[in-house]
Amino acid sequence: MTVEELIKNLQCLPADTPVLVDGYENGYDEIVEVREMEVFQYTTAQEWDGEYQMTGAHPGFRDKETFPAVVIKGRRGHLR
């Protein structure tokens, strides 16, 4: 999903609607951070891996083409 698509979807909702992200193991958390990060597509991701990884996360993939992406983090997302 792109920023344009996200904005389009959010514009259909009341302005006071909470926006949540997945919780640590189950349920949902409030958003605590939105930031831009350099990522690359992780084409050999396992079921438990994300499809994209931030640069520096895997030293063996330093030559991968990176691009900026917006990352939305929840309160306990760092525990995953």
PDB file of N, CA and C in Angstrom:
ATOM      1  N   MET A   1       0.851  -1.175   0.000  1.00  0.00           N
ATOM      2  CA  MET A   1       0.000   0.000   0.000  1.00  0.00           C
ATOM      3  C   MET A   1       0.893   1.233   0.000  1.00  0.00           C
ATOM      4  N   THR A   2       0.524   2.207  -0.775  1.00  0.00           N
ATOM      5  CA  THR A   2       1.291   3.452  -0.842  1.00  0.00           C
ATOM      6  C   THR A   2       0.653   4.501   0.065  1.00  0.00           C
ATOM      7  N   VAL A   3       1.362   5.603   0.296  1.00  0.00           N
ATOM      8  CA  VAL A   3       0.823   6.709   1.090  1.00  0.00           C
ATOM      9  C   VAL A   3      -0.475   7.204   0.471  1.00  0.00           C
ATOM     10  N   GLU A   4      -0.484   7.345  -0.861  1.00  0.00           N
ATOM     11  CA  GLU A   4      -1.692   7.822  -1.548  1.00  0.00           C
ATOM     12  C   GLU A   4      -2.881   6.892  -1.281  1.00  0.00           C
ATOM     13  N   GLU A   5      -2.656   5.577  -1.360  1.00  0.00           N
ATOM     14  CA  GLU A   5      -3.733   4.612  -1.106  1.00  0.00           C
ATOM     15  C   GLU A   5      -4.195   4.665   0.345  1.00  0.00           C
ATOM     16  N   LEU A   6      -3.256   4.801   1.277  1.00  0.00           N
ATOM     17  CA  LEU A   6      -3.608   4.886   2.693  1.00  0.00           C
ATOM     18  C   LEU A   6      -4.456   6.125   2.971  1.00  0.00           C
ATOM     19  N   ILE A   7      -4.039   7.261   2.446  1.00  0.00           N
ATOM     20  CA  ILE A   7      -4.794   8.503   2.635  1.00  0.00           C
ATOM     21  C   ILE A   7      -6.202   8.364   2.073  1.00  0.00           C
ATOM     22  N   LYS A   8      -6.307   7.793   0.893  1.00  0.00           N
ATOM     23  CA  LYS A   8      -7.611   7.603   0.258  1.00  0.00           C
ATOM     24  C   LYS A   8      -8.526   6.755   1.138  1.00  0.00           C
ATOM     25  N   ASN A   9      -7.992   5.681   1.696  1.00  0.00           N
ATOM     26  CA  ASN A   9      -8.774   4.817   2.582  1.00  0.00           C
ATOM     27  C   ASN A   9      -9.163   5.522   3.873  1.00  0.00           C
ATOM     28  N   LEU A  10      -8.238   6.280   4.439  1.00  0.00           N
ATOM     29  CA  LEU A  10      -8.509   6.949   5.713  1.00  0.00           C
ATOM     30  C   LEU A  10      -9.485   8.108   5.566  1.00  0.00           C
ATOM     31  N   GLN A  11      -9.535   8.737   4.404  1.00  0.00           N
ATOM     32  CA  GLN A  11     -10.429   9.871   4.192  1.00  0.00           C
ATOM     33  C   GLN A  11     -11.901   9.473   4.282  1.00  0.00           C
ATOM     34  N   CYS A  12     -12.204   8.204   4.133  1.00  0.00           N
ATOM     35  CA  CYS A  12     -13.582   7.709   4.200  1.00  0.00           C
ATOM     36  C   CYS A  12     -14.068   7.546   5.635  1.00  0.00           C
ATOM     37  N   LEU A  13     -13.186   7.691   6.594  1.00  0.00           N
ATOM     38  CA  LEU A  13     -13.521   7.442   8.004  1.00  0.00           C
ATOM     39  C   LEU A  13     -13.662   8.741   8.784  1.00  0.00           C
ATOM     40  N   PRO A  14     -14.417   8.703   9.891  1.00  0.00           N
ATOM     41  CA  PRO A  14     -14.486   9.883  10.758  1.00  0.00           C
ATOM     42  C   PRO A  14     -13.092  10.234  11.283  1.00  0.00           C
ATOM     43  N   ALA A  15     -12.797  11.517  11.410  1.00  0.00           N
ATOM     44  CA  ALA A  15     -11.459  11.985  11.806  1.00  0.00           C
ATOM     45  C   ALA A  15     -11.036  11.494  13.189  1.00  0.00           C
ATOM     46  N   ASP A  16     -11.975  11.157  14.057  1.00  0.00           N
ATOM     47  CA  ASP A  16     -11.621  10.730  15.414  1.00  0.00           C
ATOM     48  C   ASP A  16     -11.529   9.203  15.549  1.00  0.00           C
ATOM     49  N   THR A  17     -11.494   8.473  14.439  1.00  0.00           N
ATOM     50  CA  THR A  17     -11.369   7.017  14.473  1.00  0.00           C
ATOM     51  C   THR A  17      -9.944   6.626  14.859  1.00  0.00           C
ATOM     52  N   PRO A  18      -9.769   5.783  15.895  1.00  0.00           N
ATOM     53  CA  PRO A  18      -8.419   5.345  16.252  1.00  0.00           C
ATOM     54  C   PRO A  18      -7.786   4.521  15.124  1.00  0.00           C
ATOM     55  N   VAL A  19      -6.470   4.639  14.959  1.00  0.00           N
ATOM     56  CA  VAL A  19      -5.706   3.819  14.017  1.00  0.00           C
ATOM     57  C   VAL A  19      -4.813   2.924  14.863  1.00  0.00           C
ATOM     58  N   LEU A  20      -4.910   1.620  14.654  1.00  0.00           N
ATOM     59  CA  LEU A  20      -4.183   0.650  15.469  1.00  0.00           C
ATOM     60  C   LEU A  20      -3.299  -0.224  14.592  1.00  0.00           C
ATOM     61  N   VAL A  21      -2.331  -0.884  15.213  1.00  0.00           N
ATOM     62  CA  VAL A  21      -1.471  -1.852  14.536  1.00  0.00           C
ATOM     63  C   VAL A  21      -1.498  -3.153  15.326  1.00  0.00           C
ATOM     64  N   ASP A  22      -0.990  -4.234  14.715  1.00  0.00           N
ATOM     65  CA  ASP A  22      -0.951  -5.520  15.408  1.00  0.00           C
ATOM     66  C   ASP A  22      -0.190  -5.410  16.715  1.00  0.00           C
ATOM     67  N   GLY A  23      -0.685  -6.090  17.750  1.00  0.00           N
ATOM     68  CA  GLY A  23      -0.005  -6.143  19.032  1.00  0.00           C
ATOM     69  C   GLY A  23       1.136  -7.149  18.995  1.00  0.00           C
ATOM     70  N   TYR A  24       1.765  -7.348  20.125  1.00  0.00           N
ATOM     71  CA  TYR A  24       2.926  -8.240  20.185  1.00  0.00           C
ATOM     72  C   TYR A  24       2.564  -9.662  19.758  1.00  0.00           C
ATOM     73  N   GLU A  25       1.644 -10.318  20.461  1.00  0.00           N
ATOM     74  CA  GLU A  25       1.245 -11.671  20.078  1.00  0.00           C
ATOM     75  C   GLU A  25      -0.180 -11.712  19.568  1.00  0.00           C
ATOM     76  N   ASN A  26      -1.054 -10.911  20.124  1.00  0.00           N
ATOM     77  CA  ASN A  26      -2.427 -10.855  19.636  1.00  0.00           C
ATOM     78  C   ASN A  26      -3.029  -9.518  20.015  1.00  0.00           C
ATOM     79  N   GLY A  27      -4.178  -9.220  19.501  1.00  0.00           N
ATOM     80  CA  GLY A  27      -4.813  -7.932  19.775  1.00  0.00           C
ATOM     81  C   GLY A  27      -4.142  -6.811  19.003  1.00  0.00           C
ATOM     82  N   TYR A  28      -4.410  -5.582  19.422  1.00  0.00           N
ATOM     83  CA  TYR A  28      -3.941  -4.405  18.690  1.00  0.00           C
ATOM     84  C   TYR A  28      -3.404  -3.359  19.646  1.00  0.00           C
ATOM     85  N   ASP A  29      -2.462  -2.548  19.174  1.00  0.00           N
ATOM     86  CA  ASP A  29      -1.847  -1.474  19.951  1.00  0.00           C
ATOM     87  C   ASP A  29      -2.014  -0.149  19.229  1.00  0.00           C
ATOM     88  N   GLU A  30      -1.870   0.932  19.997  1.00  0.00           N
ATOM     89  CA  GLU A  30      -1.852   2.265  19.407  1.00  0.00           C
ATOM     90  C   GLU A  30      -0.518   2.493  18.693  1.00  0.00           C
ATOM     91  N   ILE A  31      -0.534   3.381  17.724  1.00  0.00           N
ATOM     92  CA  ILE A  31       0.684   3.748  17.006  1.00  0.00           C
ATOM     93  C   ILE A  31       1.503   4.701  17.873  1.00  0.00           C
ATOM     94  N   VAL A  32       2.800   4.442  17.945  1.00  0.00           N
ATOM     95  CA  VAL A  32       3.676   5.321  18.719  1.00  0.00           C
ATOM     96  C   VAL A  32       4.724   6.012  17.864  1.00  0.00           C
ATOM     97  N   GLU A  33       4.896   5.536  16.629  1.00  0.00           N
ATOM     98  CA  GLU A  33       5.919   6.137  15.777  1.00  0.00           C
ATOM     99  C   GLU A  33       5.595   5.894  14.305  1.00  0.00           C
ATOM    100  N   VAL A  34       5.793   6.906  13.502  1.00  0.00           N
ATOM    101  CA  VAL A  34       5.699   6.804  12.051  1.00  0.00           C
ATOM    102  C   VAL A  34       6.965   7.436  11.512  1.00  0.00           C
ATOM    103  N   ARG A  35       7.760   6.655  10.761  1.00  0.00           N
ATOM    104  CA  ARG A  35       9.000   7.227  10.241  1.00  0.00           C
ATOM    105  C   ARG A  35       9.379   6.583   8.921  1.00  0.00           C
ATOM    106  N   GLU A  36      10.249   7.252   8.210  1.00  0.00           N
ATOM    107  CA  GLU A  36      10.742   6.754   6.945  1.00  0.00           C
ATOM    108  C   GLU A  36      12.030   5.979   7.201  1.00  0.00           C
ATOM    109  N   MET A  37      12.155   4.828   6.559  1.00  0.00           N
ATOM    110  CA  MET A  37      13.339   3.991   6.699  1.00  0.00           C
ATOM    111  C   MET A  37      13.746   3.467   5.332  1.00  0.00           C
ATOM    112  N   GLU A  38      15.025   3.185   5.159  1.00  0.00           N
ATOM    113  CA  GLU A  38      15.510   2.527   3.946  1.00  0.00           C
ATOM    114  C   GLU A  38      15.334   1.020   4.140  1.00  0.00           C
ATOM    115  N   VAL A  39      14.653   0.382   3.191  1.00  0.00           N
ATOM    116  CA  VAL A  39      14.400  -1.056   3.272  1.00  0.00           C
ATOM    117  C   VAL A  39      14.744  -1.719   1.940  1.00  0.00           C
ATOM    118  N   PHE A  40      14.786  -3.047   1.954  1.00  0.00           N
ATOM    119  CA  PHE A  40      14.914  -3.814   0.731  1.00  0.00           C
ATOM    120  C   PHE A  40      13.920  -4.964   0.799  1.00  0.00           C
ATOM    121  N   GLN A  41      13.508  -5.466  -0.380  1.00  0.00           N
ATOM    122  CA  GLN A  41      12.584  -6.586  -0.406  1.00  0.00           C
ATOM    123  C   GLN A  41      13.347  -7.858  -0.095  1.00  0.00           C
ATOM    124  N   TYR A  42      12.873  -8.602   0.873  1.00  0.00           N
ATOM    125  CA  TYR A  42      13.510  -9.824   1.358  1.00  0.00           C
ATOM    126  C   TYR A  42      12.839 -11.005   0.656  1.00  0.00           C
ATOM    127  N   THR A  43      13.334 -11.343  -0.520  1.00  0.00           N
ATOM    128  CA  THR A  43      12.673 -12.323  -1.384  1.00  0.00           C
ATOM    129  C   THR A  43      12.733 -13.754  -0.858  1.00  0.00           C
ATOM    130  N   THR A  44      13.636 -14.036   0.067  1.00  0.00           N
ATOM    131  CA  THR A  44      13.731 -15.387   0.627  1.00  0.00           C
ATOM    132  C   THR A  44      13.163 -15.449   2.046  1.00  0.00           C
ATOM    133  N   ALA A  45      12.221 -14.561   2.332  1.00  0.00           N
ATOM    134  CA  ALA A  45      11.637 -14.503   3.677  1.00  0.00           C
ATOM    135  C   ALA A  45      10.924 -15.811   4.032  1.00  0.00           C
ATOM    136  N   GLN A  46      11.101 -16.234   5.266  1.00  0.00           N
ATOM    137  CA  GLN A  46      10.375 -17.388   5.792  1.00  0.00           C
ATOM    138  C   GLN A  46       8.980 -16.928   6.229  1.00  0.00           C
ATOM    139  N   GLU A  47       8.129 -17.858   6.610  1.00  0.00           N
ATOM    140  CA  GLU A  47       6.766 -17.540   7.049  1.00  0.00           C
ATOM    141  C   GLU A  47       6.754 -16.512   8.184  1.00  0.00           C
ATOM    142  N   TRP A  48       7.743 -16.558   9.054  1.00  0.00           N
ATOM    143  CA  TRP A  48       7.775 -15.702  10.230  1.00  0.00           C
ATOM    144  C   TRP A  48       8.519 -14.384   9.987  1.00  0.00           C
ATOM    145  N   ASP A  49       9.129 -14.241   8.830  1.00  0.00           N
ATOM    146  CA  ASP A  49       9.853 -13.015   8.498  1.00  0.00           C
ATOM    147  C   ASP A  49       8.947 -12.024   7.783  1.00  0.00           C
ATOM    148  N   GLY A  50       9.261 -10.750   7.899  1.00  0.00           N
ATOM    149  CA  GLY A  50       8.577  -9.749   7.107  1.00  0.00           C
ATOM    150  C   GLY A  50       9.088  -9.768   5.677  1.00  0.00           C
ATOM    151  N   GLU A  51       8.265  -9.296   4.742  1.00  0.00           N
ATOM    152  CA  GLU A  51       8.646  -9.290   3.327  1.00  0.00           C
ATOM    153  C   GLU A  51       9.685  -8.223   3.014  1.00  0.00           C
ATOM    154  N   TYR A  52       9.870  -7.286   3.914  1.00  0.00           N
ATOM    155  CA  TYR A  52      10.844  -6.211   3.735  1.00  0.00           C
ATOM    156  C   TYR A  52      11.694  -6.126   4.995  1.00  0.00           C
ATOM    157  N   GLN A  53      12.958  -5.787   4.828  1.00  0.00           N
ATOM    158  CA  GLN A  53      13.877  -5.662   5.950  1.00  0.00           C
ATOM    159  C   GLN A  53      14.585  -4.319   5.851  1.00  0.00           C
ATOM    160  N   MET A  54      14.973  -3.779   7.014  1.00  0.00           N
ATOM    161  CA  MET A  54      15.706  -2.521   6.973  1.00  0.00           C
ATOM    162  C   MET A  54      17.159  -2.799   6.652  1.00  0.00           C
ATOM    163  N   THR A  55      17.805  -1.817   6.059  1.00  0.00           N
ATOM    164  CA  THR A  55      19.210  -1.987   5.703  1.00  0.00           C
ATOM    165  C   THR A  55      20.020  -2.204   6.973  1.00  0.00           C
ATOM    166  N   GLY A  56      21.009  -3.045   6.888  1.00  0.00           N
ATOM    167  CA  GLY A  56      21.845  -3.346   8.041  1.00  0.00           C
ATOM    168  C   GLY A  56      21.319  -4.498   8.875  1.00  0.00           C
ATOM    169  N   ALA A  57      20.075  -4.935   8.646  1.00  0.00           N
ATOM    170  CA  ALA A  57      19.504  -6.032   9.430  1.00  0.00           C
ATOM    171  C   ALA A  57      20.156  -7.368   9.078  1.00  0.00           C
ATOM    172  N   HIS A  58      20.590  -7.514   7.839  1.00  0.00           N
ATOM    173  CA  HIS A  58      21.203  -8.745   7.372  1.00  0.00           C
ATOM    174  C   HIS A  58      22.488  -8.388   6.621  1.00  0.00           C
ATOM    175  N   PRO A  59      23.636  -8.557   7.242  1.00  0.00           N
ATOM    176  CA  PRO A  59      24.897  -8.175   6.603  1.00  0.00           C
ATOM    177  C   PRO A  59      25.107  -8.811   5.231  1.00  0.00           C
ATOM    178  N   GLY A  60      24.590 -10.005   4.991  1.00  0.00           N
ATOM    179  CA  GLY A  60      24.770 -10.677   3.711  1.00  0.00           C
ATOM    180  C   GLY A  60      23.979 -10.057   2.570  1.00  0.00           C
ATOM    181  N   PHE A  61      23.118  -9.113   2.888  1.00  0.00           N
ATOM    182  CA  PHE A  61      22.272  -8.497   1.875  1.00  0.00           C
ATOM    183  C   PHE A  61      22.621  -7.036   1.637  1.00  0.00           C
ATOM    184  N   ARG A  62      23.836  -6.648   1.884  1.00  0.00           N
ATOM    185  CA  ARG A  62      24.231  -5.237   1.738  1.00  0.00           C
ATOM    186  C   ARG A  62      24.174  -4.733   0.304  1.00  0.00           C
ATOM    187  N   ASP A  63      24.224  -5.619  -0.660  1.00  0.00           N
ATOM    188  CA  ASP A  63      24.207  -5.196  -2.055  1.00  0.00           C
ATOM    189  C   ASP A  63      22.788  -5.095  -2.624  1.00  0.00           C
ATOM    190  N   LYS A  64      21.772  -5.355  -1.816  1.00  0.00           N
ATOM    191  CA  LYS A  64      20.387  -5.282  -2.279  1.00  0.00           C
ATOM    192  C   LYS A  64      19.993  -3.837  -2.552  1.00  0.00           C
ATOM    193  N   GLU A  65      19.149  -3.643  -3.536  1.00  0.00           N
ATOM    194  CA  GLU A  65      18.639  -2.310  -3.850  1.00  0.00           C
ATOM    195  C   GLU A  65      17.650  -1.893  -2.764  1.00  0.00           C
ATOM    196  N   THR A  66      17.878  -0.743  -2.185  1.00  0.00           N
ATOM    197  CA  THR A  66      17.003  -0.251  -1.124  1.00  0.00           C
ATOM    198  C   THR A  66      16.144   0.897  -1.633  1.00  0.00           C
ATOM    199  N   PHE A  67      15.105   1.174  -0.872  1.00  0.00           N
ATOM    200  CA  PHE A  67      14.198   2.275  -1.203  1.00  0.00           C
ATOM    201  C   PHE A  67      13.559   2.761   0.086  1.00  0.00           C
ATOM    202  N   PRO A  68      13.100   4.016   0.114  1.00  0.00           N
ATOM    203  CA  PRO A  68      12.463   4.529   1.324  1.00  0.00           C
ATOM    204  C   PRO A  68      11.043   3.983   1.458  1.00  0.00           C
ATOM    205  N   ALA A  69      10.653   3.699   2.685  1.00  0.00           N
ATOM    206  CA  ALA A  69       9.304   3.245   3.000  1.00  0.00           C
ATOM    207  C   ALA A  69       8.873   3.882   4.312  1.00  0.00           C
ATOM    208  N   VAL A  70       7.584   4.066   4.484  1.00  0.00           N
ATOM    209  CA  VAL A  70       7.046   4.569   5.742  1.00  0.00           C
ATOM    210  C   VAL A  70       6.760   3.369   6.635  1.00  0.00           C
ATOM    211  N   VAL A  71       7.272   3.386   7.848  1.00  0.00           N
ATOM    212  CA  VAL A  71       7.074   2.300   8.796  1.00  0.00           C
ATOM    213  C   VAL A  71       6.254   2.831   9.966  1.00  0.00           C
ATOM    214  N   ILE A  72       5.163   2.142  10.264  1.00  0.00           N
ATOM    215  CA  ILE A  72       4.279   2.510  11.377  1.00  0.00           C
ATOM    216  C   ILE A  72       4.521   1.493  12.484  1.00  0.00           C
ATOM    217  N   LYS A  73       4.937   1.985  13.643  1.00  0.00           N
ATOM    218  CA  LYS A  73       5.259   1.089  14.757  1.00  0.00           C
ATOM    219  C   LYS A  73       4.248   1.231  15.883  1.00  0.00           C
ATOM    220  N   GLY A  74       3.887   0.089  16.449  1.00  0.00           N
ATOM    221  CA  GLY A  74       2.999   0.050  17.605  1.00  0.00           C
ATOM    222  C   GLY A  74       3.777   0.045  18.906  1.00  0.00           C
ATOM    223  N   ARG A  75       3.075   0.181  19.990  1.00  0.00           N
ATOM    224  CA  ARG A  75       3.705   0.298  21.302  1.00  0.00           C
ATOM    225  C   ARG A  75       4.593  -0.898  21.647  1.00  0.00           C
ATOM    226  N   ARG A  76       4.184  -2.106  21.285  1.00  0.00           N
ATOM    227  CA  ARG A  76       4.978  -3.285  21.641  1.00  0.00           C
ATOM    228  C   ARG A  76       5.569  -4.001  20.431  1.00  0.00           C
ATOM    229  N   GLY A  77       5.548  -3.360  19.272  1.00  0.00           N
ATOM    230  CA  GLY A  77       6.064  -3.971  18.059  1.00  0.00           C
ATOM    231  C   GLY A  77       7.527  -4.363  18.135  1.00  0.00           C
ATOM    232  N   HIS A  78       8.287  -3.629  18.949  1.00  0.00           N
ATOM    233  CA  HIS A  78       9.718  -3.937  19.086  1.00  0.00           C
ATOM    234  C   HIS A  78       9.967  -5.281  19.773  1.00  0.00           C
ATOM    235  N   LEU A  79       8.948  -5.855  20.394  1.00  0.00           N
ATOM    236  CA  LEU A  79       9.100  -7.132  21.083  1.00  0.00           C
ATOM    237  C   LEU A  79       8.974  -8.331  20.159  1.00  0.00           C
ATOM    238  N   ARG A  80       8.578  -8.107  18.939  1.00  0.00           N
ATOM    239  CA  ARG A  80       8.404  -9.227  17.996  1.00  0.00           C
ATOM    240  C   ARG A  80       9.714  -9.844  17.633  1.00  0.00           C
TER     241      ARG A  80
END
